[in-house]
Amino acid sequence: MLNIKAVFLAAGRGVRMGERGRLTPKGLISLGEQSFLEDAVDTLALHGISDVRVVTGHLADHYRTLAAERRPSLDLRHNDTFSSKGSLQSLMVGLEGLDGPCLVLESDLVFEPRAVEAAIGRPQTSALLVSGKTGAGDEVHVWTDERDGLRCLRDMSKLIDRWHDTPYGELVGITYLTADAVGELREIGPHLIAGDPMADYESGVVALARRQQVAVPKVADLAWAEVDNEAMLARAAELVYPRIAAARRNG
């Protein structure tokens, strides 16, 4: 079995979550019995992924407490520039020292097991997972081109009219990187950050796609949600999490 390391990007300040974000890192918000991060870690374990690194920043002590009290296997890495640099810098911290494949996840996600299955379904090819339309707000749209019979990443943006054609899907926030892609991104990232310290990790993945294939697997009816504000949290609780809980029970 391929040894895949999971890397969670969890350094964000959660500004749009208001008071909740000031008190709790988004990855440690919960809808069920445990936090988003713990739910995700347990889902990854179902697919044989148990080596987990978490890149912390805002309220990093909360993650240290989690590791000390309930999740001792977590590999915590701190991004000490989280307040002055974007998520691409967190990805660079997360990839430091890695030479094998990894699965990069945003920490403020809830998702069903099929998300992992789809992302790592072609382990020889990097992959950016997308879903169908969610209507959740703040969507990141993904465009693709066909290469050798495979849907591959062209670009992604929150601007739906960035390209003349219809987006292929919506970014979920789960990206699989082959060992070669990890090396490429570790080379690409510092150059992008030098030009724009606030560069997000998505820009790094788009730059990677210009050098090598990044497949775009799609699960049109995937149960998932990103939580950036209270309205998105309420939507996730009412419409999405019950579907995720049912999927976990059934599989």
Protein backbone atom coordinates (compact mmCIF):
# COMPACT_ATOMS: atom_id res chain seq x y z
CA MET A 1 0.00 0.00 0.00
CA LEU A 2 1.23 3.50 -0.88
CA ASN A 3 2.33 5.43 2.22
CA ILE A 4 0.48 8.75 1.98
CA LYS A 5 1.04 11.49 4.55
CA ALA A 6 -1.86 13.84 5.28
CA VAL A 7 -1.06 17.55 5.65
CA PHE A 8 -3.74 19.79 7.17
CA LEU A 9 -3.52 23.53 6.62
CA ALA A 10 -4.78 24.91 9.93
CA ALA A 11 -2.95 28.20 10.47
CA GLY A 12 -5.72 30.59 9.38
CA ARG A 13 -7.05 33.27 11.71
CA GLY A 14 -10.74 32.57 11.09
CA VAL A 15 -11.55 36.27 10.88
CA ARG A 16 -14.90 35.70 9.14
CA MET A 17 -16.05 33.47 11.99
CA GLY A 18 -16.17 36.51 14.27
CA GLU A 19 -16.10 35.79 18.00
CA ARG A 20 -16.06 32.02 17.47
CA GLY A 21 -12.99 32.37 15.26
CA ARG A 22 -11.21 34.47 17.88
CA LEU A 23 -11.72 31.76 20.47
CA THR A 24 -11.41 28.53 18.47
CA PRO A 25 -9.38 27.51 15.41
CA LYS A 26 -11.77 26.58 12.61
CA GLY A 27 -10.42 23.04 12.44
CA LEU A 28 -11.48 22.50 16.05
CA ILE A 29 -15.09 23.61 15.60
CA SER A 30 -17.45 20.67 15.88
CA LEU A 31 -20.85 19.66 14.55
CA GLY A 32 -20.88 16.13 15.92
CA GLU A 33 -19.15 14.57 18.90
CA GLN A 34 -15.68 15.71 17.84
CA SER A 35 -13.98 18.46 15.86
CA PHE A 36 -13.73 18.83 12.10
CA LEU A 37 -10.06 17.83 12.26
CA GLU A 38 -10.72 14.71 14.33
CA ASP A 39 -13.57 13.64 12.05
CA ALA A 40 -11.25 14.08 9.06
CA VAL A 41 -8.41 12.15 10.71
CA ASP A 42 -10.77 9.24 11.45
CA THR A 43 -12.06 9.29 7.87
CA LEU A 44 -8.50 9.20 6.52
CA ALA A 45 -7.73 6.23 8.75
CA LEU A 46 -10.49 4.29 7.01
CA HIS A 47 -8.40 4.61 3.83
CA GLY A 48 -5.12 3.58 5.44
CA ILE A 49 -3.83 7.14 5.96
CA SER A 50 -2.70 7.50 9.56
CA ASP A 51 0.43 9.67 9.29
CA VAL A 52 -0.97 13.17 9.88
CA ARG A 53 0.79 16.54 10.00
CA VAL A 54 -1.05 19.70 11.06
CA VAL A 55 0.32 23.15 10.18
CA THR A 56 -0.72 25.50 12.97
CA GLY A 57 -0.71 29.26 13.36
CA HIS A 58 -3.65 31.06 14.96
CA LEU A 59 -4.37 29.64 18.44
CA ALA A 60 -1.74 26.94 17.98
CA ASP A 61 -1.95 26.06 21.66
CA HIS A 62 -5.39 24.54 21.05
CA TYR A 63 -3.84 22.00 18.68
CA ARG A 64 -1.07 21.28 21.16
CA THR A 65 -3.73 20.54 23.76
CA LEU A 66 -5.57 18.27 21.33
CA ALA A 67 -2.37 16.34 20.61
CA ALA A 68 -1.50 16.05 24.27
CA GLU A 69 -4.93 14.94 25.43
CA ARG A 70 -6.53 12.95 22.60
CA ARG A 71 -4.42 12.71 19.44
CA PRO A 72 -0.79 12.03 20.41
CA SER A 73 0.16 10.83 16.93
CA LEU A 74 -0.37 14.25 15.34
CA ASP A 75 2.77 15.81 13.87
CA LEU A 76 2.38 19.53 14.61
CA ARG A 77 4.36 22.07 12.60
CA HIS A 78 4.00 25.78 13.35
CA ASN A 79 3.87 28.49 10.69
CA ASP A 80 5.19 31.46 12.64
CA THR A 81 4.41 33.86 9.76
CA PHE A 82 0.72 32.93 9.60
CA SER A 83 -0.40 36.51 10.23
CA SER A 84 1.76 38.04 7.49
CA LYS A 85 1.75 35.36 4.78
CA GLY A 86 -0.90 33.33 2.99
CA SER A 87 -1.76 29.66 2.93
CA LEU A 88 0.95 28.85 0.39
CA GLN A 89 3.48 29.49 3.14
CA SER A 90 1.59 27.05 5.36
CA LEU A 91 1.83 24.48 2.58
CA MET A 92 5.58 25.05 2.38
CA VAL A 93 5.83 24.41 6.13
CA GLY A 94 3.68 21.32 5.71
CA LEU A 95 5.81 19.90 2.91
CA GLU A 96 9.14 20.54 4.64
CA GLY A 97 11.23 17.39 4.71
CA LEU A 98 8.71 15.30 2.79
CA ASP A 99 9.79 13.21 -0.19
CA GLY A 100 6.73 11.00 -0.62
CA PRO A 101 3.12 11.46 -1.69
CA CYS A 102 0.77 13.46 0.49
CA LEU A 103 -2.86 14.50 0.76
CA VAL A 104 -3.31 18.21 1.48
CA LEU A 105 -6.52 19.18 3.26
CA GLU A 106 -8.01 22.43 4.45
CA SER A 107 -8.82 22.08 8.13
CA ASP A 108 -12.23 23.77 8.04
CA LEU A 109 -13.90 20.99 6.03
CA VAL A 110 -16.48 18.34 6.76
CA PHE A 111 -16.68 15.60 4.15
CA GLU A 112 -17.82 12.06 3.54
CA PRO A 113 -15.44 9.13 2.90
CA ARG A 114 -15.97 9.19 -0.88
CA ALA A 115 -13.92 12.39 -1.00
CA VAL A 116 -10.78 10.54 0.01
CA GLU A 117 -11.49 7.63 -2.32
CA ALA A 118 -11.80 9.98 -5.28
CA ALA A 119 -8.73 12.08 -4.43
CA ILE A 120 -6.34 9.12 -4.17
CA GLY A 121 -8.00 6.95 -6.79
CA ARG A 122 -5.12 7.37 -9.27
CA PRO A 123 -2.04 7.36 -7.01
CA GLN A 124 0.34 7.85 -9.94
CA THR A 125 -1.23 11.25 -10.76
CA SER A 126 -1.70 14.33 -8.61
CA ALA A 127 -5.35 15.26 -8.19
CA LEU A 128 -7.53 18.20 -7.17
CA LEU A 129 -10.96 17.05 -5.99
CA VAL A 130 -14.08 18.90 -7.13
CA SER A 131 -17.80 18.55 -6.54
CA GLY A 132 -20.90 19.66 -8.39
CA LYS A 133 -22.62 22.95 -7.58
CA THR A 134 -23.29 23.47 -3.89
CA GLY A 135 -24.78 26.95 -3.64
CA ALA A 136 -22.86 27.30 -0.39
CA GLY A 137 -21.43 30.75 -1.11
CA ASP A 138 -17.77 31.73 -1.55
CA GLU A 139 -17.25 28.92 -4.07
CA VAL A 140 -13.94 28.44 -5.85
CA HIS A 141 -14.64 27.42 -9.45
CA VAL A 142 -12.35 25.01 -11.26
CA TRP A 143 -11.70 24.80 -15.00
CA THR A 144 -10.15 21.84 -16.76
CA ASP A 145 -8.70 20.73 -20.10
CA GLU A 146 -8.58 17.21 -21.46
CA ARG A 147 -5.12 15.72 -21.70
CA ASP A 148 -4.60 12.15 -22.82
CA GLY A 149 -8.22 11.38 -22.00
CA LEU A 150 -7.95 12.82 -18.48
CA ARG A 151 -9.59 15.92 -17.04
CA CYS A 152 -6.69 18.07 -15.85
CA LEU A 153 -6.51 21.36 -13.98
CA ARG A 154 -6.29 24.56 -15.99
CA ASP A 155 -7.20 27.20 -13.43
CA MET A 156 -9.40 28.03 -10.45
CA SER A 157 -10.94 31.25 -9.20
CA LYS A 158 -13.81 32.68 -7.18
CA LEU A 159 -14.72 34.68 -10.31
CA ILE A 160 -17.06 32.49 -12.32
CA ASP A 161 -16.51 34.57 -15.46
CA ARG A 162 -12.72 34.27 -15.35
CA TRP A 163 -12.89 31.93 -18.37
CA HIS A 164 -15.32 31.84 -21.28
CA ASP A 165 -16.35 28.24 -20.65
CA THR A 166 -18.37 26.76 -17.79
CA PRO A 167 -16.37 25.63 -14.75
CA TYR A 168 -16.05 21.88 -14.40
CA GLY A 169 -16.75 21.87 -10.67
CA GLU A 170 -16.17 23.46 -7.27
CA LEU A 171 -12.98 23.15 -5.27
CA VAL A 172 -13.46 20.91 -2.23
CA GLY A 173 -10.14 21.57 -0.51
CA ILE A 174 -8.59 18.11 -0.75
CA THR A 175 -5.56 17.75 -3.03
CA TYR A 176 -3.40 14.70 -3.64
CA LEU A 177 0.27 15.25 -4.51
CA THR A 178 2.59 12.60 -5.86
CA ALA A 179 6.15 12.47 -4.58
CA ASP A 180 7.31 14.26 -7.73
CA ALA A 181 4.66 16.97 -7.28
CA VAL A 182 5.79 17.52 -3.69
CA GLY A 183 9.28 18.24 -4.98
CA GLU A 184 7.97 20.56 -7.69
CA LEU A 185 5.84 22.53 -5.23
CA ARG A 186 8.71 22.89 -2.79
CA GLU A 187 10.59 24.54 -5.69
CA ILE A 188 7.68 26.63 -7.00
CA GLY A 189 6.34 27.90 -3.69
CA PRO A 190 9.15 30.20 -2.50
CA HIS A 191 9.22 32.03 -5.85
CA LEU A 192 5.46 32.68 -5.71
CA ILE A 193 5.67 33.83 -2.09
CA ALA A 194 8.55 36.18 -2.90
CA GLY A 195 6.29 37.86 -5.46
CA ASP A 196 3.21 37.81 -3.23
CA PRO A 197 3.63 36.97 0.46
CA MET A 198 -0.15 36.46 0.77
CA ALA A 199 -0.28 33.88 -2.03
CA ASP A 200 -2.74 31.09 -1.31
CA TYR A 201 -1.95 27.41 -1.71
CA GLU A 202 -4.35 27.17 -4.66
CA SER A 203 -2.01 29.41 -6.70
CA GLY A 204 0.77 26.93 -6.04
CA VAL A 205 -1.36 24.05 -7.30
CA VAL A 206 -2.27 25.99 -10.46
CA ALA A 207 1.43 26.70 -11.05
CA LEU A 208 2.15 23.00 -10.55
CA ALA A 209 -0.49 22.15 -13.16
CA ARG A 210 1.46 24.15 -15.73
CA ARG A 211 4.42 21.79 -15.24
CA GLN A 212 2.69 18.43 -14.86
CA GLN A 213 -0.73 16.82 -14.97
CA VAL A 214 -3.03 17.49 -12.05
CA ALA A 215 -6.14 15.39 -12.58
CA VAL A 216 -9.53 16.72 -11.47
CA PRO A 217 -11.72 13.88 -10.19
CA LYS A 218 -15.34 14.93 -9.65
CA VAL A 219 -17.96 13.58 -7.28
CA ALA A 220 -21.02 15.52 -8.37
CA ASP A 221 -23.19 14.71 -5.35
CA LEU A 222 -20.46 14.74 -2.70
CA ALA A 223 -21.58 15.63 0.83
CA TRP A 224 -19.11 18.23 2.02
CA ALA A 225 -18.90 21.76 3.34
CA GLU A 226 -16.30 24.40 4.06
CA VAL A 227 -16.98 26.59 7.08
CA ASP A 228 -15.77 30.17 6.75
CA ASN A 229 -18.53 32.02 8.63
CA GLU A 230 -21.55 31.44 10.82
CA ALA A 231 -23.96 31.14 7.90
CA MET A 232 -21.82 28.42 6.33
CA LEU A 233 -21.64 26.65 9.69
CA ALA A 234 -25.43 26.72 9.99
CA ARG A 235 -25.82 25.36 6.46
CA ALA A 236 -23.33 22.60 7.17
CA ALA A 237 -25.15 21.63 10.36
CA GLU A 238 -28.60 21.56 8.77
CA LEU A 239 -28.03 20.31 5.23
CA VAL A 240 -24.64 18.61 4.99
CA TYR A 241 -23.51 17.00 8.21
CA PRO A 242 -26.52 14.66 8.50
CA ARG A 243 -25.63 13.26 5.04
CA ILE A 244 -21.99 12.84 6.07
CA ALA A 245 -22.95 11.07 9.29
CA ALA A 246 -25.21 8.70 7.32
CA ALA A 247 -22.44 7.99 4.80
CA ARG A 248 -20.03 7.14 7.61
CA ARG A 249 -22.54 4.80 9.23
CA ASN A 250 -23.17 3.05 5.93
CA GLY A 251 -19.61 2.57 4.89
